[in-house]
N, C-alpha and C. Protein backbone atom coordinates (compact mmCIF):
# COMPACT_ATOMS: atom_id res chain seq x y z
N MET A 1 -6.97 -15.32 -97.87
CA MET A 1 -7.35 -15.42 -99.26
C MET A 1 -8.64 -14.64 -99.49
N ARG A 2 -9.53 -14.73 -98.53
CA ARG A 2 -10.80 -14.02 -98.65
C ARG A 2 -10.56 -12.52 -98.80
N PHE A 3 -9.67 -11.96 -98.01
CA PHE A 3 -9.34 -10.54 -98.06
C PHE A 3 -8.84 -10.16 -99.46
N ILE A 4 -7.95 -10.95 -100.00
CA ILE A 4 -7.40 -10.67 -101.33
C ILE A 4 -8.49 -10.76 -102.39
N LEU A 5 -9.31 -11.79 -102.34
CA LEU A 5 -10.38 -11.96 -103.32
C LEU A 5 -11.39 -10.81 -103.25
N GLU A 6 -11.79 -10.45 -102.03
CA GLU A 6 -12.79 -9.39 -101.88
C GLU A 6 -12.25 -8.05 -102.37
N ARG A 7 -11.00 -7.75 -102.06
CA ARG A 7 -10.40 -6.49 -102.52
C ARG A 7 -10.28 -6.48 -104.04
N THR A 8 -9.86 -7.61 -104.60
CA THR A 8 -9.73 -7.68 -106.05
C THR A 8 -11.07 -7.46 -106.73
N SER A 9 -12.12 -8.07 -106.20
CA SER A 9 -13.45 -7.89 -106.80
C SER A 9 -13.94 -6.46 -106.66
N ASP A 10 -13.43 -5.73 -105.66
CA ASP A 10 -13.78 -4.31 -105.48
C ASP A 10 -12.85 -3.39 -106.27
N GLY A 11 -11.91 -3.98 -107.03
CA GLY A 11 -10.99 -3.19 -107.83
C GLY A 11 -9.85 -2.57 -107.03
N ILE A 12 -9.57 -3.15 -105.87
CA ILE A 12 -8.50 -2.64 -104.99
C ILE A 12 -7.34 -3.63 -105.02
N THR A 13 -6.14 -3.10 -105.22
CA THR A 13 -4.97 -3.98 -105.22
C THR A 13 -4.51 -4.24 -103.79
N THR A 14 -3.83 -5.36 -103.62
CA THR A 14 -3.34 -5.75 -102.30
C THR A 14 -1.84 -5.97 -102.37
N SER A 15 -1.13 -5.36 -101.46
CA SER A 15 0.31 -5.55 -101.35
C SER A 15 0.59 -6.44 -100.15
N PRO A 16 1.76 -7.06 -100.08
CA PRO A 16 2.10 -7.82 -98.89
C PRO A 16 2.03 -6.96 -97.62
N GLY A 17 2.44 -5.70 -97.73
CA GLY A 17 2.36 -4.80 -96.58
C GLY A 17 0.92 -4.55 -96.15
N GLY A 18 0.03 -4.39 -97.12
CA GLY A 18 -1.39 -4.20 -96.81
C GLY A 18 -1.99 -5.42 -96.17
N LEU A 19 -1.57 -6.60 -96.64
CA LEU A 19 -2.03 -7.85 -96.04
C LEU A 19 -1.53 -7.97 -94.60
N ALA A 20 -0.26 -7.62 -94.39
CA ALA A 20 0.31 -7.67 -93.03
C ALA A 20 -0.45 -6.75 -92.10
N GLU A 21 -0.76 -5.55 -92.58
CA GLU A 21 -1.51 -4.59 -91.76
C GLU A 21 -2.90 -5.12 -91.43
N TYR A 22 -3.59 -5.66 -92.43
CA TYR A 22 -4.94 -6.18 -92.22
C TYR A 22 -4.93 -7.33 -91.20
N LEU A 23 -3.95 -8.21 -91.31
CA LEU A 23 -3.88 -9.38 -90.43
C LEU A 23 -3.20 -9.07 -89.10
N ASP A 24 -2.61 -7.87 -88.99
CA ASP A 24 -1.89 -7.46 -87.80
C ASP A 24 -0.75 -8.44 -87.49
N VAL A 25 0.04 -8.70 -88.55
CA VAL A 25 1.21 -9.57 -88.42
C VAL A 25 2.42 -8.81 -88.96
N THR A 26 3.59 -9.37 -88.75
CA THR A 26 4.81 -8.74 -89.24
C THR A 26 4.90 -8.90 -90.77
N SER A 27 5.74 -8.07 -91.37
CA SER A 27 5.98 -8.18 -92.81
C SER A 27 6.52 -9.56 -93.17
N ALA A 28 7.40 -10.08 -92.33
CA ALA A 28 7.97 -11.40 -92.58
C ALA A 28 6.89 -12.48 -92.58
N SER A 29 5.94 -12.39 -91.64
CA SER A 29 4.85 -13.36 -91.59
C SER A 29 3.97 -13.26 -92.83
N ALA A 30 3.69 -12.04 -93.26
CA ALA A 30 2.87 -11.84 -94.46
C ALA A 30 3.60 -12.38 -95.69
N THR A 31 4.90 -12.17 -95.76
CA THR A 31 5.68 -12.69 -96.88
C THR A 31 5.62 -14.21 -96.93
N MET A 32 5.73 -14.85 -95.77
CA MET A 32 5.63 -16.31 -95.71
C MET A 32 4.25 -16.78 -96.14
N LEU A 33 3.21 -16.06 -95.71
CA LEU A 33 1.84 -16.42 -96.09
C LEU A 33 1.65 -16.29 -97.59
N VAL A 34 2.14 -15.19 -98.16
CA VAL A 34 2.03 -14.99 -99.61
C VAL A 34 2.76 -16.11 -100.34
N GLN A 35 3.91 -16.51 -99.84
CA GLN A 35 4.66 -17.61 -100.47
C GLN A 35 3.86 -18.91 -100.42
N ARG A 36 3.22 -19.17 -99.30
CA ARG A 36 2.40 -20.39 -99.18
C ARG A 36 1.23 -20.34 -100.15
N LEU A 37 0.59 -19.17 -100.28
CA LEU A 37 -0.52 -19.03 -101.22
C LEU A 37 -0.04 -19.19 -102.66
N THR A 38 1.16 -18.68 -102.93
CA THR A 38 1.75 -18.82 -104.26
C THR A 38 2.06 -20.29 -104.55
N ASP A 39 2.68 -20.95 -103.59
CA ASP A 39 3.02 -22.37 -103.74
C ASP A 39 1.77 -23.23 -103.95
N ALA A 40 0.66 -22.82 -103.34
CA ALA A 40 -0.61 -23.56 -103.47
C ALA A 40 -1.32 -23.23 -104.79
N GLY A 41 -0.76 -22.28 -105.54
CA GLY A 41 -1.36 -21.93 -106.83
C GLY A 41 -2.57 -21.02 -106.72
N LEU A 42 -2.72 -20.37 -105.57
CA LEU A 42 -3.89 -19.51 -105.36
C LEU A 42 -3.64 -18.05 -105.77
N VAL A 43 -2.39 -17.60 -105.64
CA VAL A 43 -2.06 -16.22 -105.99
C VAL A 43 -0.73 -16.19 -106.75
N ARG A 44 -0.48 -15.04 -107.35
CA ARG A 44 0.83 -14.76 -107.93
C ARG A 44 1.16 -13.33 -107.55
N THR A 45 2.42 -12.99 -107.60
CA THR A 45 2.80 -11.61 -107.33
C THR A 45 3.29 -10.99 -108.62
N MET A 46 3.09 -9.69 -108.71
CA MET A 46 3.54 -8.94 -109.88
C MET A 46 3.92 -7.54 -109.43
N PRO A 47 4.77 -6.87 -110.20
CA PRO A 47 5.14 -5.51 -109.82
C PRO A 47 3.93 -4.57 -109.89
N ASP A 48 3.87 -3.63 -108.97
CA ASP A 48 2.83 -2.60 -108.98
C ASP A 48 3.09 -1.71 -110.19
N PRO A 49 2.10 -1.52 -111.07
CA PRO A 49 2.34 -0.70 -112.26
C PRO A 49 2.66 0.76 -111.93
N ASP A 50 2.24 1.22 -110.75
CA ASP A 50 2.50 2.61 -110.36
C ASP A 50 3.83 2.77 -109.63
N ASP A 51 4.32 1.70 -109.03
CA ASP A 51 5.58 1.75 -108.29
C ASP A 51 6.22 0.38 -108.39
N ARG A 52 7.10 0.21 -109.34
CA ARG A 52 7.65 -1.11 -109.63
C ARG A 52 8.49 -1.69 -108.50
N ARG A 53 8.75 -0.90 -107.46
CA ARG A 53 9.47 -1.44 -106.30
C ARG A 53 8.55 -2.26 -105.42
N ARG A 54 7.25 -2.04 -105.54
CA ARG A 54 6.27 -2.75 -104.71
C ARG A 54 5.71 -3.95 -105.46
N LYS A 55 5.34 -4.98 -104.70
CA LYS A 55 4.68 -6.16 -105.26
C LYS A 55 3.19 -6.06 -104.99
N MET A 56 2.42 -6.60 -105.90
CA MET A 56 0.99 -6.72 -105.71
C MET A 56 0.64 -8.20 -105.68
N ILE A 57 -0.33 -8.57 -104.87
CA ILE A 57 -0.79 -9.95 -104.78
C ILE A 57 -2.04 -10.07 -105.64
N VAL A 58 -2.01 -11.00 -106.58
CA VAL A 58 -3.11 -11.15 -107.53
C VAL A 58 -3.64 -12.58 -107.46
N PRO A 59 -4.94 -12.76 -107.28
CA PRO A 59 -5.48 -14.12 -107.30
C PRO A 59 -5.29 -14.75 -108.68
N VAL A 60 -4.95 -16.02 -108.71
CA VAL A 60 -4.80 -16.72 -109.98
C VAL A 60 -6.16 -16.87 -110.64
N ASP A 61 -7.18 -17.12 -109.84
CA ASP A 61 -8.54 -17.30 -110.34
C ASP A 61 -9.47 -16.41 -109.54
N THR A 62 -9.96 -15.34 -110.17
CA THR A 62 -10.84 -14.40 -109.46
C THR A 62 -12.24 -14.97 -109.26
N ASP A 63 -12.53 -16.11 -109.88
CA ASP A 63 -13.84 -16.73 -109.70
C ASP A 63 -13.86 -17.72 -108.54
N LEU A 64 -12.74 -17.83 -107.82
CA LEU A 64 -12.70 -18.72 -106.66
C LEU A 64 -13.75 -18.30 -105.65
N ASP A 65 -14.37 -19.27 -105.05
CA ASP A 65 -15.32 -19.01 -103.97
C ASP A 65 -14.56 -19.13 -102.65
N ALA A 66 -14.43 -18.01 -101.96
CA ALA A 66 -13.68 -18.01 -100.70
C ALA A 66 -14.26 -19.01 -99.71
N ASP A 67 -15.57 -19.24 -99.75
CA ASP A 67 -16.16 -20.20 -98.83
C ASP A 67 -15.74 -21.63 -99.15
N GLU A 68 -15.39 -21.91 -100.40
CA GLU A 68 -14.89 -23.25 -100.74
C GLU A 68 -13.46 -23.43 -100.25
N ILE A 69 -12.66 -22.37 -100.31
CA ILE A 69 -11.28 -22.43 -99.84
C ILE A 69 -11.24 -22.50 -98.32
N ASP A 70 -12.13 -21.73 -97.69
CA ASP A 70 -12.14 -21.60 -96.23
C ASP A 70 -13.58 -21.75 -95.73
N PRO A 71 -14.11 -22.97 -95.73
CA PRO A 71 -15.51 -23.15 -95.37
C PRO A 71 -15.84 -22.77 -93.93
N VAL A 72 -14.89 -22.91 -93.03
CA VAL A 72 -15.17 -22.60 -91.62
C VAL A 72 -15.50 -21.12 -91.45
N THR A 73 -14.72 -20.26 -92.09
CA THR A 73 -14.98 -18.82 -91.98
C THR A 73 -16.34 -18.48 -92.55
N GLY A 74 -16.71 -19.11 -93.66
CA GLY A 74 -18.04 -18.88 -94.23
C GLY A 74 -19.14 -19.29 -93.28
N GLN A 75 -18.95 -20.42 -92.62
CA GLN A 75 -19.95 -20.89 -91.66
C GLN A 75 -20.05 -19.95 -90.47
N ILE A 76 -18.90 -19.45 -90.01
CA ILE A 76 -18.90 -18.50 -88.89
C ILE A 76 -19.61 -17.21 -89.29
N ARG A 77 -19.37 -16.75 -90.51
CA ARG A 77 -20.07 -15.55 -90.99
C ARG A 77 -21.58 -15.75 -90.97
N HIS A 78 -22.02 -16.92 -91.44
CA HIS A 78 -23.46 -17.19 -91.45
C HIS A 78 -24.03 -17.23 -90.03
N LEU A 79 -23.28 -17.81 -89.10
CA LEU A 79 -23.73 -17.82 -87.71
C LEU A 79 -23.83 -16.39 -87.17
N SER A 80 -22.86 -15.57 -87.52
CA SER A 80 -22.83 -14.18 -87.05
C SER A 80 -24.01 -13.39 -87.58
N GLU A 81 -24.42 -13.69 -88.80
CA GLU A 81 -25.55 -12.98 -89.39
C GLU A 81 -26.85 -13.25 -88.64
N ASP A 82 -26.92 -14.37 -87.94
CA ASP A 82 -28.13 -14.74 -87.20
C ASP A 82 -28.22 -14.07 -85.83
N LEU A 83 -27.14 -13.41 -85.40
CA LEU A 83 -27.14 -12.77 -84.08
C LEU A 83 -27.85 -11.42 -84.13
N SER A 84 -28.58 -11.13 -83.10
CA SER A 84 -29.15 -9.79 -82.96
C SER A 84 -28.02 -8.83 -82.61
N PRO A 85 -28.21 -7.54 -82.76
CA PRO A 85 -27.16 -6.60 -82.37
C PRO A 85 -26.73 -6.76 -80.91
N GLN A 86 -27.68 -7.04 -80.03
CA GLN A 86 -27.35 -7.22 -78.61
C GLN A 86 -26.51 -8.49 -78.41
N GLU A 87 -26.91 -9.57 -79.08
CA GLU A 87 -26.16 -10.82 -78.97
C GLU A 87 -24.75 -10.64 -79.54
N ALA A 88 -24.64 -9.96 -80.66
CA ALA A 88 -23.33 -9.72 -81.27
C ALA A 88 -22.43 -8.93 -80.33
N LYS A 89 -23.01 -7.95 -79.63
CA LYS A 89 -22.23 -7.14 -78.70
C LYS A 89 -21.72 -8.00 -77.55
N LEU A 90 -22.56 -8.89 -77.03
CA LEU A 90 -22.15 -9.78 -75.94
C LEU A 90 -21.06 -10.75 -76.38
N VAL A 91 -21.22 -11.32 -77.56
CA VAL A 91 -20.21 -12.24 -78.08
C VAL A 91 -18.89 -11.50 -78.29
N SER A 92 -18.95 -10.30 -78.83
CA SER A 92 -17.75 -9.50 -79.04
C SER A 92 -17.05 -9.20 -77.72
N LEU A 93 -17.81 -8.81 -76.73
CA LEU A 93 -17.24 -8.53 -75.41
C LEU A 93 -16.56 -9.77 -74.84
N TYR A 94 -17.23 -10.91 -74.95
CA TYR A 94 -16.67 -12.17 -74.47
C TYR A 94 -15.35 -12.48 -75.19
N LEU A 95 -15.36 -12.38 -76.51
CA LEU A 95 -14.16 -12.71 -77.28
C LEU A 95 -13.02 -11.73 -76.98
N ASP A 96 -13.34 -10.46 -76.74
CA ASP A 96 -12.32 -9.49 -76.34
C ASP A 96 -11.69 -9.90 -75.02
N ARG A 97 -12.51 -10.38 -74.09
CA ARG A 97 -12.00 -10.81 -72.79
C ARG A 97 -11.13 -12.06 -72.91
N VAL A 98 -11.57 -13.00 -73.76
CA VAL A 98 -10.77 -14.21 -73.99
C VAL A 98 -9.43 -13.83 -74.61
N THR A 99 -9.46 -12.93 -75.58
CA THR A 99 -8.23 -12.48 -76.23
C THR A 99 -7.28 -11.85 -75.21
N ALA A 100 -7.82 -11.04 -74.31
CA ALA A 100 -6.99 -10.39 -73.30
C ALA A 100 -6.34 -11.43 -72.38
N VAL A 101 -7.08 -12.47 -72.03
CA VAL A 101 -6.54 -13.54 -71.19
C VAL A 101 -5.43 -14.28 -71.93
N VAL A 102 -5.68 -14.62 -73.18
CA VAL A 102 -4.68 -15.35 -73.97
C VAL A 102 -3.45 -14.48 -74.18
N ASP A 103 -3.64 -13.21 -74.52
CA ASP A 103 -2.50 -12.31 -74.71
C ASP A 103 -1.72 -12.14 -73.41
N GLY A 104 -2.41 -12.04 -72.30
CA GLY A 104 -1.73 -11.93 -71.01
C GLY A 104 -0.96 -13.19 -70.67
N GLU A 105 -1.53 -14.33 -70.97
CA GLU A 105 -0.87 -15.60 -70.71
C GLU A 105 0.36 -15.76 -71.59
N SER A 106 0.27 -15.38 -72.86
CA SER A 106 1.40 -15.56 -73.75
C SER A 106 2.52 -14.58 -73.42
N SER A 107 2.18 -13.42 -72.83
CA SER A 107 3.24 -12.47 -72.45
C SER A 107 3.92 -12.92 -71.17
N ASN A 108 3.28 -13.79 -70.39
CA ASN A 108 3.88 -14.31 -69.16
C ASN A 108 4.78 -15.52 -69.42
N ALA A 109 4.68 -16.08 -70.62
CA ALA A 109 5.43 -17.30 -70.95
C ALA A 109 6.91 -17.03 -71.10
């Protein structure tokens, strides 16, 4: 939701395909996510005015505070802002290694 809100405030439209690419998920997963957001009353879809074959994802309320919808991500962002560049690099390296272990484990399953 944060991605959609931030892009909308920057005047950039978001398609389900763009959301899938940003989240690095399949089109089907993005479609399910958009449906859940629609069912929750957070977004609606509408035809792209430039290409009516494409759908655009539009927030129902552009004044929503993403931190209220997703407070954990907001808190993590604030924690990240307190890191020095060196600390951020170490945390990033650590998380990359954890991701590699998890990805390796899930591919062995």
